């Protein structure tokens, strides 16, 4: 089963001038925090995404940021720990 991410990509949010004008500082801080937390999680598990861009960051209905397209991802360092 694949999760439906109805709010689309971060790229589409940033391109839509009307939506962009509605973005509040607190919302942008929240998205930045989620992005950095996600990267920290990946890197702590020895995974490098290697194709991180707004098109590969999707938003769920409740505003959670989701990383997609791990086709270029690479394990580094120690053995990858899958949870």
C-alpha atoms as a PDB file:
ATOM      1  CA  UNK A   1       0.000   0.000   0.000  1.00  0.00           C
ATOM      2  CA  UNK A   2       1.261   3.508  -0.830  1.00  0.00           C
ATOM      3  CA  UNK A   3       0.295   6.577   1.155  1.00  0.00           C
ATOM      4  CA  UNK A   4      -1.631   9.224  -0.777  1.00  0.00           C
ATOM      5  CA  UNK A   5       0.054  12.607  -0.253  1.00  0.00           C
ATOM      6  CA  UNK A   6      -2.741  14.909  -1.326  1.00  0.00           C
ATOM      7  CA  UNK A   7      -1.020  18.250  -0.693  1.00  0.00           C
ATOM      8  CA  UNK A   8       1.536  17.556  -3.417  1.00  0.00           C
ATOM      9  CA  UNK A   9       5.212  18.385  -3.516  1.00  0.00           C
ATOM     10  CA  UNK A  10       7.071  21.190  -1.828  1.00  0.00           C
ATOM     11  CA  UNK A  11       8.027  22.341  -5.336  1.00  0.00           C
ATOM     12  CA  UNK A  12       4.391  22.873  -6.329  1.00  0.00           C
ATOM     13  CA  UNK A  13       3.726  24.707  -3.066  1.00  0.00           C
ATOM     14  CA  UNK A  14       6.656  27.047  -3.665  1.00  0.00           C
ATOM     15  CA  UNK A  15       5.710  27.647  -7.335  1.00  0.00           C
ATOM     16  CA  UNK A  16       2.104  28.559  -6.598  1.00  0.00           C
ATOM     17  CA  UNK A  17       2.313  32.287  -5.798  1.00  0.00           C
ATOM     18  CA  UNK A  18      -1.090  32.347  -4.085  1.00  0.00           C
ATOM     19  CA  UNK A  19      -0.182  29.486  -1.754  1.00  0.00           C
ATOM     20  CA  UNK A  20       3.289  30.918  -1.226  1.00  0.00           C
ATOM     21  CA  UNK A  21       1.825  34.227  -0.075  1.00  0.00           C
ATOM     22  CA  UNK A  22      -0.195  32.348   2.556  1.00  0.00           C
ATOM     23  CA  UNK A  23       2.848  30.579   3.999  1.00  0.00           C
ATOM     24  CA  UNK A  24       3.479  31.838   7.486  1.00  0.00           C
ATOM     25  CA  UNK A  25       6.885  32.014   9.105  1.00  0.00           C
ATOM     26  CA  UNK A  26       5.863  29.374  11.649  1.00  0.00           C
ATOM     27  CA  UNK A  27       4.782  27.007   8.862  1.00  0.00           C
ATOM     28  CA  UNK A  28       8.095  27.487   7.050  1.00  0.00           C
ATOM     29  CA  UNK A  29       9.992  26.888  10.313  1.00  0.00           C
ATOM     30  CA  UNK A  30       8.011  23.694  10.814  1.00  0.00           C
ATOM     31  CA  UNK A  31       8.836  22.470   7.290  1.00  0.00           C
ATOM     32  CA  UNK A  32      12.528  23.319   7.764  1.00  0.00           C
ATOM     33  CA  UNK A  33      12.546  21.449  11.092  1.00  0.00           C
ATOM     34  CA  UNK A  34      10.918  18.395   9.492  1.00  0.00           C
ATOM     35  CA  UNK A  35      13.423  18.463   6.624  1.00  0.00           C
ATOM     36  CA  UNK A  36      16.406  18.648   8.954  1.00  0.00           C
ATOM     37  CA  UNK A  37      14.969  16.005  11.290  1.00  0.00           C
ATOM     38  CA  UNK A  38      14.427  13.676   8.333  1.00  0.00           C
ATOM     39  CA  UNK A  39      17.981  14.188   7.109  1.00  0.00           C
ATOM     40  CA  UNK A  40      19.331  13.573  10.604  1.00  0.00           C
ATOM     41  CA  UNK A  41      17.356  10.330  10.775  1.00  0.00           C
ATOM     42  CA  UNK A  42      18.631   9.144   7.395  1.00  0.00           C
ATOM     43  CA  UNK A  43      22.238  10.050   8.148  1.00  0.00           C
ATOM     44  CA  UNK A  44      22.111   8.435  11.606  1.00  0.00           C
ATOM     45  CA  UNK A  45      21.090   5.245   9.777  1.00  0.00           C
ATOM     46  CA  UNK A  46      23.950   5.638   7.264  1.00  0.00           C
ATOM     47  CA  UNK A  47      21.726   6.540   4.318  1.00  0.00           C
ATOM     48  CA  UNK A  48      22.426   9.402   1.917  1.00  0.00           C
ATOM     49  CA  UNK A  49      19.423  10.450  -0.233  1.00  0.00           C
ATOM     50  CA  UNK A  50      21.552  12.050  -3.011  1.00  0.00           C
ATOM     51  CA  UNK A  51      18.568  13.500  -4.922  1.00  0.00           C
ATOM     52  CA  UNK A  52      17.102  15.893  -2.398  1.00  0.00           C
ATOM     53  CA  UNK A  53      15.076  18.655  -4.055  1.00  0.00           C
ATOM     54  CA  UNK A  54      11.624  20.199  -3.537  1.00  0.00           C
ATOM     55  CA  UNK A  55      10.121  17.786  -6.090  1.00  0.00           C
ATOM     56  CA  UNK A  56      11.146  14.856  -3.856  1.00  0.00           C
ATOM     57  CA  UNK A  57       9.557  16.298  -0.721  1.00  0.00           C
ATOM     58  CA  UNK A  58       5.823  15.677  -0.451  1.00  0.00           C
ATOM     59  CA  UNK A  59       3.252  17.008   2.001  1.00  0.00           C
ATOM     60  CA  UNK A  60       0.604  14.867   3.656  1.00  0.00           C
ATOM     61  CA  UNK A  61      -2.891  16.076   4.521  1.00  0.00           C
ATOM     62  CA  UNK A  62      -1.783  16.939   8.052  1.00  0.00           C
ATOM     63  CA  UNK A  63       1.263  18.894   6.849  1.00  0.00           C
ATOM     64  CA  UNK A  64       3.937  16.289   7.460  1.00  0.00           C
ATOM     65  CA  UNK A  65       6.891  16.376   5.095  1.00  0.00           C
ATOM     66  CA  UNK A  66       7.719  13.041   3.443  1.00  0.00           C
ATOM     67  CA  UNK A  67      10.876  12.137   1.539  1.00  0.00           C
ATOM     68  CA  UNK A  68      10.305  10.238  -1.718  1.00  0.00           C
ATOM     69  CA  UNK A  69      12.385   8.822  -4.582  1.00  0.00           C
ATOM     70  CA  UNK A  70      15.180   6.908  -2.920  1.00  0.00           C
ATOM     71  CA  UNK A  71      16.393   5.604  -6.295  1.00  0.00           C
ATOM     72  CA  UNK A  72      19.694   7.476  -5.921  1.00  0.00           C
ATOM     73  CA  UNK A  73      20.071   6.740  -2.190  1.00  0.00           C
ATOM     74  CA  UNK A  74      23.314   5.222  -1.026  1.00  0.00           C
ATOM     75  CA  UNK A  75      24.376   3.473   2.129  1.00  0.00           C
ATOM     76  CA  UNK A  76      27.620   4.757   3.601  1.00  0.00           C
ATOM     77  CA  UNK A  77      29.898   3.976   6.500  1.00  0.00           C
ATOM     78  CA  UNK A  78      28.676   1.108   8.603  1.00  0.00           C
ATOM     79  CA  UNK A  79      26.020  -1.404   7.633  1.00  0.00           C
ATOM     80  CA  UNK A  80      22.612   0.168   6.990  1.00  0.00           C
ATOM     81  CA  UNK A  81      20.166  -0.393   9.879  1.00  0.00           C
ATOM     82  CA  UNK A  82      16.634  -0.910   8.514  1.00  0.00           C
ATOM     83  CA  UNK A  83      13.905  -0.427  11.106  1.00  0.00           C
END
